[in-house]
């Protein structure tokens, strides 16, 4: 999800997804242009179990990171 989604607070959407039994195990990833990659690394890649990725990363890197998140989630 884009962290600046119009019309809705993304944190509310993430909470609703996690509260829905059929979606509760779905990993939530926020894309943000307001936080840079070094800031994400410095503050941790996760907050409250949610992952944050910068929009500024190259597409190939984004795809690789999303693949790692999904693989890690599937191994649980």
Protein backbone atom coordinates (compact mmCIF):
# COMPACT_ATOMS: atom_id res chain seq x y z
CA UNK A 1 0.00 0.00 0.00
CA UNK A 2 1.05 3.53 -0.58
CA UNK A 3 1.50 5.19 2.78
CA UNK A 4 -0.29 8.31 1.47
CA UNK A 5 -3.38 6.60 0.13
CA UNK A 6 -6.11 9.16 -0.61
CA UNK A 7 -9.30 9.05 1.41
CA UNK A 8 -8.17 6.54 4.01
CA UNK A 9 -5.60 6.18 6.73
CA UNK A 10 -3.36 3.29 5.69
CA UNK A 11 -2.91 2.22 9.30
CA UNK A 12 -6.69 1.73 9.49
CA UNK A 13 -6.64 -0.36 6.32
CA UNK A 14 -3.81 -2.52 7.71
CA UNK A 15 -5.74 -3.02 10.97
CA UNK A 16 -8.87 -4.00 9.04
CA UNK A 17 -6.91 -6.48 6.91
CA UNK A 18 -5.36 -8.08 9.98
CA UNK A 19 -8.77 -8.28 11.70
CA UNK A 20 -10.31 -10.15 8.75
CA UNK A 21 -9.79 -13.88 9.39
CA UNK A 22 -9.27 -14.74 5.72
CA UNK A 23 -6.64 -11.97 5.35
CA UNK A 24 -5.04 -11.92 8.79
CA UNK A 25 -1.93 -13.77 7.59
CA UNK A 26 -1.45 -11.56 4.53
CA UNK A 27 1.79 -9.56 4.79
CA UNK A 28 1.25 -5.80 4.62
CA UNK A 29 3.92 -3.69 2.96
CA UNK A 30 3.85 0.09 2.80
CA UNK A 31 5.55 1.98 -0.01
CA UNK A 32 6.62 5.45 0.98
CA UNK A 33 8.16 8.39 -0.75
CA UNK A 34 8.27 10.38 2.49
CA UNK A 35 10.90 8.19 4.14
CA UNK A 36 14.21 7.41 2.46
CA UNK A 37 15.94 4.03 2.34
CA UNK A 38 18.61 5.10 4.90
CA UNK A 39 15.86 6.26 7.28
CA UNK A 40 14.04 2.94 6.92
CA UNK A 41 17.26 1.07 7.69
CA UNK A 42 18.07 3.35 10.62
CA UNK A 43 14.61 3.03 12.18
CA UNK A 44 14.09 -0.60 11.28
CA UNK A 45 12.35 -2.13 8.30
CA UNK A 46 9.34 -3.08 10.41
CA UNK A 47 7.03 -1.14 12.68
CA UNK A 48 4.32 -3.05 14.46
CA UNK A 49 4.95 -6.04 12.21
CA UNK A 50 4.42 -3.94 9.08
CA UNK A 51 7.13 -3.49 6.50
CA UNK A 52 8.12 -0.22 4.88
CA UNK A 53 9.91 0.11 1.55
CA UNK A 54 10.99 3.35 -0.13
CA UNK A 55 9.42 4.20 -3.49
CA UNK A 56 12.78 5.42 -4.69
CA UNK A 57 14.39 1.99 -5.02
CA UNK A 58 14.96 0.49 -8.47
CA UNK A 59 12.14 -1.75 -9.70
CA UNK A 60 14.37 -4.85 -9.69
CA UNK A 61 15.27 -4.23 -6.04
CA UNK A 62 11.61 -3.69 -5.12
CA UNK A 63 10.64 -6.97 -6.78
CA UNK A 64 13.47 -8.81 -4.99
CA UNK A 65 12.51 -7.36 -1.59
CA UNK A 66 8.84 -8.22 -2.07
CA UNK A 67 9.87 -11.75 -3.09
CA UNK A 68 11.94 -12.07 0.10
CA UNK A 69 9.02 -10.86 2.22
CA UNK A 70 6.63 -13.35 0.61
CA UNK A 71 9.10 -16.23 0.87
CA UNK A 72 9.77 -15.42 4.52
CA UNK A 73 6.06 -15.26 5.21
CA UNK A 74 5.43 -18.58 3.45
CA UNK A 75 8.10 -20.30 5.55
CA UNK A 76 6.27 -19.50 8.81
